[in-house]
PDB file of N, CA and C in Angstrom:
ATOM      1  N   UNK A   1       0.998  -1.333   0.026  1.00  0.00           N
ATOM      2  CA  UNK A   1       0.070   0.142  -0.109  1.00  0.00           C
ATOM      3  C   UNK A   1       0.868   1.193   0.130  1.00  0.00           C
ATOM      4  N   UNK A   2       0.415   2.163   0.726  1.00  0.00           N
ATOM      5  CA  UNK A   2       1.332   3.397   0.583  1.00  0.00           C
ATOM      6  C   UNK A   2       0.281   4.607   0.216  1.00  0.00           C
ATOM      7  N   UNK A   3       0.649   5.970   0.145  1.00  0.00           N
ATOM      8  CA  UNK A   3       0.023   6.769   0.084  1.00  0.00           C
ATOM      9  C   UNK A   3       0.966   7.656  -1.558  1.00  0.00           C
ATOM     10  N   UNK A   4       1.716   6.800  -2.309  1.00  0.00           N
ATOM     11  CA  UNK A   4       2.331   7.394  -3.196  1.00  0.00           C
ATOM     12  C   UNK A   4       3.871   7.418  -2.744  1.00  0.00           C
ATOM     13  N   UNK A   5       4.204   6.663  -1.646  1.00  0.00           N
ATOM     14  CA  UNK A   5       5.645   7.156  -1.056  1.00  0.00           C
ATOM     15  C   UNK A   5       6.143   5.812  -1.165  1.00  0.00           C
ATOM     16  N   UNK A   6       7.503   5.664  -0.765  1.00  0.00           N
ATOM     17  CA  UNK A   6       8.687   4.483  -1.214  1.00  0.00           C
ATOM     18  C   UNK A   6       8.020   3.296  -0.454  1.00  0.00           C
ATOM     19  N   UNK A   7       7.344   3.501   0.811  1.00  0.00           N
ATOM     20  CA  UNK A   7       6.583   2.627   1.995  1.00  0.00           C
ATOM     21  C   UNK A   7       5.599   1.902   1.205  1.00  0.00           C
ATOM     22  N   UNK A   8       5.555   2.078  -0.159  1.00  0.00           N
ATOM     23  CA  UNK A   8       4.539   1.258  -0.676  1.00  0.00           C
ATOM     24  C   UNK A   8       5.111  -0.272  -1.015  1.00  0.00           C
ATOM     25  N   UNK A   9       4.663  -1.394  -0.494  1.00  0.00           N
ATOM     26  CA  UNK A   9       5.684  -2.583  -0.687  1.00  0.00           C
ATOM     27  C   UNK A   9       4.846  -3.634  -1.420  1.00  0.00           C
ATOM     28  N   UNK A  10       3.655  -3.836  -0.819  1.00  0.00           N
ATOM     29  CA  UNK A  10       2.813  -4.960  -1.114  1.00  0.00           C
ATOM     30  C   UNK A  10       2.250  -4.271  -2.696  1.00  0.00           C
ATOM     31  N   UNK A  11       2.258  -3.338  -2.902  1.00  0.00           N
ATOM     32  CA  UNK A  11       1.444  -2.648  -3.996  1.00  0.00           C
ATOM     33  C   UNK A  11       2.216  -1.863  -4.575  1.00  0.00           C
ATOM     34  N   UNK A  12       2.159  -1.654  -5.937  1.00  0.00           N
ATOM     35  CA  UNK A  12       3.202  -0.581  -6.646  1.00  0.00           C
ATOM     36  C   UNK A  12       2.668   1.235  -6.009  1.00  0.00           C
ATOM     37  N   UNK A  13       4.063   1.763  -6.290  1.00  0.00           N
ATOM     38  CA  UNK A  13       4.265   2.750  -5.556  1.00  0.00           C
ATOM     39  C   UNK A  13       2.877   3.783  -6.129  1.00  0.00           C
ATOM     40  N   UNK A  14       2.483   4.269  -5.173  1.00  0.00           N
ATOM     41  CA  UNK A  14       0.906   5.541  -5.634  1.00  0.00           C
ATOM     42  C   UNK A  14      -0.459   4.703  -5.202  1.00  0.00           C
ATOM     43  N   UNK A  15      -0.118   3.414  -4.515  1.00  0.00           N
ATOM     44  CA  UNK A  15      -1.709   2.794  -4.353  1.00  0.00           C
ATOM     45  C   UNK A  15      -1.579   3.206  -2.917  1.00  0.00           C
ATOM     46  N   UNK A  16      -2.891   2.933  -2.540  1.00  0.00           N
ATOM     47  CA  UNK A  16      -3.299   3.170  -1.009  1.00  0.00           C
ATOM     48  C   UNK A  16      -2.990   2.024  -0.426  1.00  0.00           C
ATOM     49  N   UNK A  17      -2.435   1.782   0.894  1.00  0.00           N
ATOM     50  CA  UNK A  17      -2.752   0.475   1.976  1.00  0.00           C
ATOM     51  C   UNK A  17      -2.376   1.133   3.136  1.00  0.00           C
ATOM     52  N   UNK A  18      -2.402   0.389   3.902  1.00  0.00           N
ATOM     53  CA  UNK A  18      -2.085   0.607   5.444  1.00  0.00           C
ATOM     54  C   UNK A  18      -0.902   0.661   5.871  1.00  0.00           C
ATOM     55  N   UNK A  19       0.208   0.498   5.042  1.00  0.00           N
ATOM     56  CA  UNK A  19       1.676   0.996   4.987  1.00  0.00           C
ATOM     57  C   UNK A  19       1.798   2.479   5.182  1.00  0.00           C
ATOM     58  N   UNK A  20       1.063   3.339   4.282  1.00  0.00           N
ATOM     59  CA  UNK A  20       1.156   4.613   3.975  1.00  0.00           C
ATOM     60  C   UNK A  20       0.322   5.543   4.880  1.00  0.00           C
ATOM     61  N   UNK A  21      -0.575   4.834   5.729  1.00  0.00           N
ATOM     62  CA  UNK A  21      -1.515   5.343   6.489  1.00  0.00           C
ATOM     63  C   UNK A  21      -0.987   5.960   7.592  1.00  0.00           C
TER      64      UNK A  21
END
């Protein structure tokens, strides 16, 4: 996930996920 940051692991950069929350 992630909010478009480098911490988007499970999903491509830019995807939303708990990692980015």
